């Protein structure tokens, strides 16, 4: 995320400039706290060589928009992880992803059956 990705409410929504400044200050402050919490989690957990699938369920969430979103943040946050979790539960731990014959050996060497759950 870049700072330009943050979208604050348009100026027309505020009755005075002081109200706009306060809301912008409080909103940006909370956004930065959430962003720094996410970066800290990513640096300490997601980049760890022995990260497990369950560690990804504890990831921090941050918002980039001032508007209320109609989607559930939990569904977006965990959507893909739940699909992977259900696939492993259905197929078993011995599931091996299909690899084409043109897949470089260094990629296929990184994918192991057990690392999917640990």
N, C-alpha and C. Protein backbone atom coordinates (compact mmCIF):
# COMPACT_ATOMS: atom_id res chain seq x y z
N UNK A 1 0.83 -1.18 0.00
CA UNK A 1 0.00 0.00 0.00
C UNK A 1 0.88 1.24 0.00
N UNK A 2 0.47 2.23 -0.77
CA UNK A 2 1.16 3.52 -0.80
C UNK A 2 0.28 4.56 -0.09
N UNK A 3 0.86 5.62 0.42
CA UNK A 3 0.03 6.65 1.05
C UNK A 3 -1.04 7.21 0.11
N UNK A 4 -0.78 7.21 -1.19
CA UNK A 4 -1.79 7.71 -2.13
C UNK A 4 -2.97 6.77 -2.24
N UNK A 5 -2.85 5.54 -1.76
CA UNK A 5 -3.96 4.59 -1.79
C UNK A 5 -5.04 4.92 -0.77
N UNK A 6 -4.70 5.69 0.25
CA UNK A 6 -5.68 6.06 1.27
C UNK A 6 -6.64 7.10 0.70
N UNK A 7 -7.91 6.86 0.87
CA UNK A 7 -8.93 7.76 0.32
C UNK A 7 -9.72 8.39 1.47
N UNK A 8 -9.58 9.71 1.64
CA UNK A 8 -10.33 10.43 2.65
C UNK A 8 -11.62 10.98 2.04
N UNK A 9 -12.57 11.32 2.90
CA UNK A 9 -13.86 11.83 2.44
C UNK A 9 -13.68 13.17 1.72
N UNK A 10 -14.52 13.44 0.73
CA UNK A 10 -14.44 14.73 0.02
C UNK A 10 -14.73 15.91 0.96
N UNK A 11 -14.16 17.07 0.64
CA UNK A 11 -14.32 18.27 1.47
C UNK A 11 -15.77 18.70 1.61
N UNK A 12 -16.60 18.40 0.64
CA UNK A 12 -18.00 18.83 0.67
C UNK A 12 -18.78 18.18 1.81
N UNK A 13 -18.27 17.13 2.39
CA UNK A 13 -18.97 16.43 3.47
C UNK A 13 -18.80 17.10 4.83
N UNK A 14 -17.92 18.08 4.93
CA UNK A 14 -17.61 18.68 6.23
C UNK A 14 -18.17 20.09 6.32
N UNK A 15 -18.84 20.42 7.45
CA UNK A 15 -19.41 21.77 7.59
C UNK A 15 -18.35 22.85 7.78
N UNK A 16 -17.26 22.52 8.46
CA UNK A 16 -16.18 23.50 8.66
C UNK A 16 -14.84 22.84 8.39
N UNK A 17 -13.85 23.70 8.24
CA UNK A 17 -12.51 23.19 7.97
C UNK A 17 -11.93 22.48 9.20
N UNK A 18 -12.28 22.95 10.40
CA UNK A 18 -11.78 22.31 11.62
C UNK A 18 -12.31 20.89 11.75
N UNK A 19 -13.57 20.67 11.39
CA UNK A 19 -14.16 19.33 11.44
C UNK A 19 -13.42 18.42 10.47
N UNK A 20 -13.17 18.94 9.28
CA UNK A 20 -12.45 18.16 8.27
C UNK A 20 -11.04 17.81 8.76
N UNK A 21 -10.35 18.79 9.33
CA UNK A 21 -8.99 18.54 9.81
C UNK A 21 -8.97 17.50 10.92
N UNK A 22 -9.92 17.60 11.86
CA UNK A 22 -9.94 16.64 12.95
C UNK A 22 -10.23 15.23 12.45
N UNK A 23 -11.23 15.10 11.60
CA UNK A 23 -11.57 13.78 11.09
C UNK A 23 -10.42 13.20 10.27
N UNK A 24 -9.82 14.05 9.44
CA UNK A 24 -8.69 13.57 8.64
C UNK A 24 -7.54 13.14 9.55
N UNK A 25 -7.26 13.92 10.59
CA UNK A 25 -6.18 13.58 11.51
C UNK A 25 -6.47 12.26 12.21
N UNK A 26 -7.69 12.11 12.75
CA UNK A 26 -8.01 10.89 13.49
C UNK A 26 -8.08 9.68 12.57
N UNK A 27 -8.62 9.86 11.38
CA UNK A 27 -8.71 8.76 10.43
C UNK A 27 -7.32 8.32 9.98
N UNK A 28 -6.49 9.28 9.59
CA UNK A 28 -5.14 8.93 9.14
C UNK A 28 -4.31 8.33 10.27
N UNK A 29 -4.50 8.83 11.46
CA UNK A 29 -3.77 8.28 12.62
C UNK A 29 -4.13 6.81 12.83
N UNK A 30 -5.42 6.49 12.79
CA UNK A 30 -5.84 5.10 12.96
C UNK A 30 -5.40 4.23 11.80
N UNK A 31 -5.45 4.78 10.60
CA UNK A 31 -4.97 4.02 9.45
C UNK A 31 -3.49 3.68 9.60
N UNK A 32 -2.70 4.65 10.05
CA UNK A 32 -1.27 4.39 10.21
C UNK A 32 -1.01 3.35 11.30
N UNK A 33 -1.77 3.41 12.39
CA UNK A 33 -1.61 2.41 13.44
C UNK A 33 -1.94 1.01 12.91
N UNK A 34 -3.04 0.90 12.15
CA UNK A 34 -3.41 -0.40 11.56
C UNK A 34 -2.36 -0.86 10.57
N UNK A 35 -1.87 0.05 9.74
CA UNK A 35 -0.87 -0.30 8.73
C UNK A 35 0.43 -0.76 9.40
N UNK A 36 0.87 -0.05 10.42
CA UNK A 36 2.10 -0.44 11.11
C UNK A 36 1.93 -1.77 11.83
N UNK A 37 0.75 -2.02 12.38
CA UNK A 37 0.48 -3.31 13.01
C UNK A 37 0.57 -4.43 11.96
N UNK A 38 0.03 -4.19 10.76
CA UNK A 38 0.09 -5.19 9.68
C UNK A 38 1.53 -5.41 9.22
N UNK A 39 2.28 -4.34 9.05
CA UNK A 39 3.68 -4.46 8.61
C UNK A 39 4.49 -5.22 9.65
N UNK A 40 4.25 -4.94 10.93
CA UNK A 40 4.94 -5.67 11.99
C UNK A 40 4.60 -7.16 11.94
N UNK A 41 3.31 -7.48 11.77
CA UNK A 41 2.90 -8.89 11.65
C UNK A 41 3.57 -9.53 10.44
N UNK A 42 3.55 -8.85 9.31
CA UNK A 42 4.12 -9.41 8.08
C UNK A 42 5.61 -9.66 8.25
N UNK A 43 6.31 -8.71 8.86
CA UNK A 43 7.75 -8.85 9.04
C UNK A 43 8.08 -9.97 10.02
N UNK A 44 7.33 -10.08 11.09
CA UNK A 44 7.68 -11.06 12.13
C UNK A 44 7.09 -12.44 11.89
N UNK A 45 5.94 -12.55 11.23
CA UNK A 45 5.27 -13.84 11.08
C UNK A 45 5.33 -14.36 9.65
N UNK A 46 4.82 -13.58 8.71
CA UNK A 46 4.69 -14.06 7.33
C UNK A 46 6.04 -14.31 6.68
N UNK A 47 7.07 -13.58 7.06
CA UNK A 47 8.40 -13.79 6.48
C UNK A 47 9.20 -14.86 7.20
N UNK A 48 8.65 -15.42 8.24
CA UNK A 48 9.35 -16.45 8.99
C UNK A 48 9.46 -17.72 8.15
N UNK A 49 10.61 -18.40 8.17
CA UNK A 49 10.74 -19.62 7.37
C UNK A 49 9.87 -20.77 7.88
N UNK A 50 9.49 -20.76 9.14
CA UNK A 50 8.66 -21.85 9.68
C UNK A 50 7.24 -21.37 9.99
N UNK A 51 6.68 -20.56 9.09
CA UNK A 51 5.32 -20.06 9.26
C UNK A 51 4.33 -21.19 8.98
N UNK A 52 3.25 -21.22 9.75
CA UNK A 52 2.23 -22.26 9.56
C UNK A 52 0.96 -21.63 8.98
N UNK A 53 0.08 -22.47 8.50
CA UNK A 53 -1.16 -22.00 7.92
C UNK A 53 -2.00 -21.26 8.96
N UNK A 54 -2.00 -21.73 10.18
CA UNK A 54 -2.80 -21.08 11.22
C UNK A 54 -2.29 -19.67 11.55
N UNK A 55 -1.02 -19.39 11.30
CA UNK A 55 -0.49 -18.05 11.54
C UNK A 55 -1.14 -17.01 10.63
N UNK A 56 -1.55 -17.42 9.45
CA UNK A 56 -2.16 -16.47 8.53
C UNK A 56 -3.56 -16.06 8.98
N UNK A 57 -4.18 -16.84 9.86
CA UNK A 57 -5.49 -16.47 10.38
C UNK A 57 -5.40 -15.39 11.45
N UNK A 58 -4.20 -15.08 11.91
CA UNK A 58 -4.03 -14.03 12.92
C UNK A 58 -3.52 -12.73 12.32
N UNK A 59 -3.57 -12.60 11.01
CA UNK A 59 -3.06 -11.40 10.35
C UNK A 59 -3.90 -10.18 10.71
N UNK A 60 -3.24 -9.04 10.80
CA UNK A 60 -3.94 -7.79 11.05
C UNK A 60 -4.68 -7.34 9.79
N UNK A 61 -5.72 -6.58 9.99
CA UNK A 61 -6.51 -6.07 8.88
C UNK A 61 -6.42 -4.55 8.90
N UNK A 62 -6.31 -3.94 7.74
CA UNK A 62 -6.32 -2.48 7.67
C UNK A 62 -7.27 -2.04 6.57
N UNK A 63 -7.86 -0.88 6.77
CA UNK A 63 -8.81 -0.30 5.81
C UNK A 63 -8.12 0.82 5.04
N UNK A 64 -8.55 0.99 3.79
CA UNK A 64 -8.00 2.06 2.96
C UNK A 64 -9.05 3.09 2.57
N UNK A 65 -10.31 2.80 2.82
CA UNK A 65 -11.38 3.69 2.40
C UNK A 65 -12.11 4.28 3.60
N UNK A 66 -12.64 5.47 3.46
CA UNK A 66 -13.39 6.12 4.53
C UNK A 66 -14.82 5.63 4.58
N UNK A 67 -15.33 5.10 3.48
CA UNK A 67 -16.72 4.64 3.41
C UNK A 67 -16.90 3.29 4.08
N UNK A 68 -18.13 3.02 4.51
CA UNK A 68 -18.45 1.70 5.05
C UNK A 68 -18.56 0.73 3.88
N UNK A 69 -17.91 -0.39 4.02
CA UNK A 69 -17.97 -1.40 2.96
C UNK A 69 -19.10 -2.36 3.24
N UNK A 70 -19.72 -2.82 2.20
CA UNK A 70 -20.85 -3.74 2.33
C UNK A 70 -20.40 -5.18 2.51
N UNK A 71 -19.17 -5.48 2.14
CA UNK A 71 -18.67 -6.84 2.28
C UNK A 71 -18.20 -7.06 3.72
N UNK A 72 -18.25 -8.30 4.13
CA UNK A 72 -17.73 -8.65 5.45
C UNK A 72 -16.21 -8.73 5.36
N UNK A 73 -15.51 -7.99 6.20
CA UNK A 73 -14.05 -8.02 6.16
C UNK A 73 -13.51 -9.40 6.52
N UNK A 74 -14.24 -10.14 7.34
CA UNK A 74 -13.80 -11.49 7.71
C UNK A 74 -13.84 -12.42 6.50
N UNK A 75 -14.87 -12.29 5.65
CA UNK A 75 -14.95 -13.14 4.46
C UNK A 75 -13.84 -12.81 3.48
N UNK A 76 -13.55 -11.53 3.31
CA UNK A 76 -12.48 -11.15 2.40
C UNK A 76 -11.14 -11.57 2.97
N UNK A 77 -10.97 -11.36 4.25
CA UNK A 77 -9.70 -11.67 4.91
C UNK A 77 -9.38 -13.15 4.87
N UNK A 78 -10.37 -13.99 5.14
CA UNK A 78 -10.12 -15.41 5.24
C UNK A 78 -10.62 -16.22 4.05
N UNK A 79 -11.21 -15.58 3.07
CA UNK A 79 -11.83 -16.30 1.96
C UNK A 79 -10.92 -17.32 1.31
N UNK A 80 -9.75 -16.90 0.86
CA UNK A 80 -8.84 -17.82 0.18
C UNK A 80 -8.26 -18.85 1.15
N UNK A 81 -7.96 -18.44 2.37
CA UNK A 81 -7.43 -19.39 3.34
C UNK A 81 -8.43 -20.48 3.66
N UNK A 82 -9.73 -20.12 3.76
CA UNK A 82 -10.74 -21.15 4.02
C UNK A 82 -10.84 -22.11 2.84
N UNK A 83 -10.71 -21.61 1.61
CA UNK A 83 -10.75 -22.49 0.44
C UNK A 83 -9.60 -23.49 0.49
N UNK A 84 -8.41 -23.02 0.84
CA UNK A 84 -7.25 -23.91 0.94
C UNK A 84 -7.47 -24.92 2.07
N UNK A 85 -7.95 -24.45 3.20
CA UNK A 85 -8.19 -25.31 4.35
C UNK A 85 -9.21 -26.41 4.01
N UNK A 86 -10.30 -26.02 3.34
CA UNK A 86 -11.32 -27.00 2.94
C UNK A 86 -10.78 -27.99 1.92
N UNK A 87 -9.94 -27.52 1.00
CA UNK A 87 -9.36 -28.40 -0.01
C UNK A 87 -8.46 -29.45 0.65
N UNK A 88 -7.65 -29.03 1.60
CA UNK A 88 -6.78 -29.98 2.31
C UNK A 88 -7.62 -30.95 3.13
N UNK A 89 -8.69 -30.47 3.76
CA UNK A 89 -9.56 -31.35 4.54
C UNK A 89 -10.24 -32.38 3.64
N UNK A 90 -10.60 -31.97 2.44
CA UNK A 90 -11.27 -32.87 1.51
C UNK A 90 -10.30 -33.87 0.87
N UNK A 91 -9.15 -33.39 0.43
CA UNK A 91 -8.20 -34.24 -0.31
C UNK A 91 -7.21 -34.95 0.60
N UNK A 92 -7.00 -34.45 1.79
CA UNK A 92 -6.04 -35.06 2.70
C UNK A 92 -4.69 -34.37 2.65
N UNK A 93 -3.85 -34.71 3.60
CA UNK A 93 -2.53 -34.09 3.71
C UNK A 93 -1.62 -34.52 2.58
N UNK A 94 -1.88 -35.65 1.98
CA UNK A 94 -0.99 -36.15 0.93
C UNK A 94 -1.26 -35.48 -0.42
N UNK A 95 -2.06 -34.44 -0.45
CA UNK A 95 -2.35 -33.72 -1.68
C UNK A 95 -1.07 -33.13 -2.27
N UNK A 96 -0.85 -33.39 -3.53
CA UNK A 96 0.28 -32.78 -4.23
C UNK A 96 -0.27 -31.93 -5.36
N UNK A 97 0.12 -30.66 -5.43
CA UNK A 97 -0.40 -29.82 -6.50
C UNK A 97 0.10 -30.29 -7.86
N UNK A 98 -0.75 -30.14 -8.85
CA UNK A 98 -0.36 -30.54 -10.21
C UNK A 98 0.70 -29.58 -10.73
N UNK A 99 1.76 -30.14 -11.25
CA UNK A 99 2.84 -29.33 -11.81
C UNK A 99 3.03 -29.73 -13.27
N UNK A 100 3.22 -28.76 -14.10
CA UNK A 100 3.45 -29.08 -15.51
C UNK A 100 4.87 -29.59 -15.68
N UNK A 101 5.11 -30.21 -16.81
CA UNK A 101 6.46 -30.74 -17.06
C UNK A 101 7.46 -29.63 -17.26
N UNK A 102 6.97 -28.42 -17.50
CA UNK A 102 7.87 -27.28 -17.70
C UNK A 102 8.14 -26.52 -16.41
N UNK A 103 7.63 -26.98 -15.29
CA UNK A 103 7.85 -26.30 -14.02
C UNK A 103 9.31 -26.45 -13.61
N UNK A 104 10.00 -25.35 -13.34
CA UNK A 104 11.40 -25.45 -12.92
C UNK A 104 11.54 -26.27 -11.64
N UNK A 105 12.63 -27.00 -11.53
CA UNK A 105 12.84 -27.87 -10.38
C UNK A 105 12.92 -27.10 -9.07
N UNK A 106 13.44 -25.89 -9.11
CA UNK A 106 13.56 -25.15 -7.86
C UNK A 106 12.20 -24.78 -7.30
N UNK A 107 11.18 -24.63 -8.16
CA UNK A 107 9.82 -24.36 -7.66
C UNK A 107 9.23 -25.62 -7.07
N UNK A 108 9.33 -26.73 -7.78
CA UNK A 108 8.73 -27.96 -7.26
C UNK A 108 9.44 -28.45 -6.01
N UNK A 109 10.70 -28.09 -5.83
CA UNK A 109 11.42 -28.46 -4.62
C UNK A 109 10.93 -27.70 -3.40
N UNK A 110 10.31 -26.54 -3.62
CA UNK A 110 9.82 -25.73 -2.50
C UNK A 110 8.47 -26.21 -2.00
N UNK A 111 7.73 -26.95 -2.80
CA UNK A 111 6.39 -27.39 -2.43
C UNK A 111 6.46 -28.80 -1.88
N UNK A 112 6.09 -28.96 -0.63
CA UNK A 112 6.04 -30.29 -0.04
C UNK A 112 4.67 -30.52 0.54
N UNK A 113 4.35 -31.76 0.73
CA UNK A 113 3.02 -32.09 1.26
C UNK A 113 2.83 -31.57 2.67
N UNK A 114 3.81 -31.76 3.50
CA UNK A 114 3.68 -31.43 4.91
C UNK A 114 3.71 -29.92 5.14
N UNK A 115 4.44 -29.17 4.32
CA UNK A 115 4.55 -27.73 4.55
C UNK A 115 3.22 -27.01 4.35
N UNK A 116 2.26 -27.67 3.73
CA UNK A 116 0.96 -27.05 3.53
C UNK A 116 0.24 -26.83 4.86
N UNK A 117 0.43 -27.72 5.81
CA UNK A 117 -0.26 -27.60 7.11
C UNK A 117 0.63 -27.13 8.24
N UNK A 118 1.92 -27.12 8.06
CA UNK A 118 2.81 -26.74 9.18
C UNK A 118 3.35 -25.36 9.03
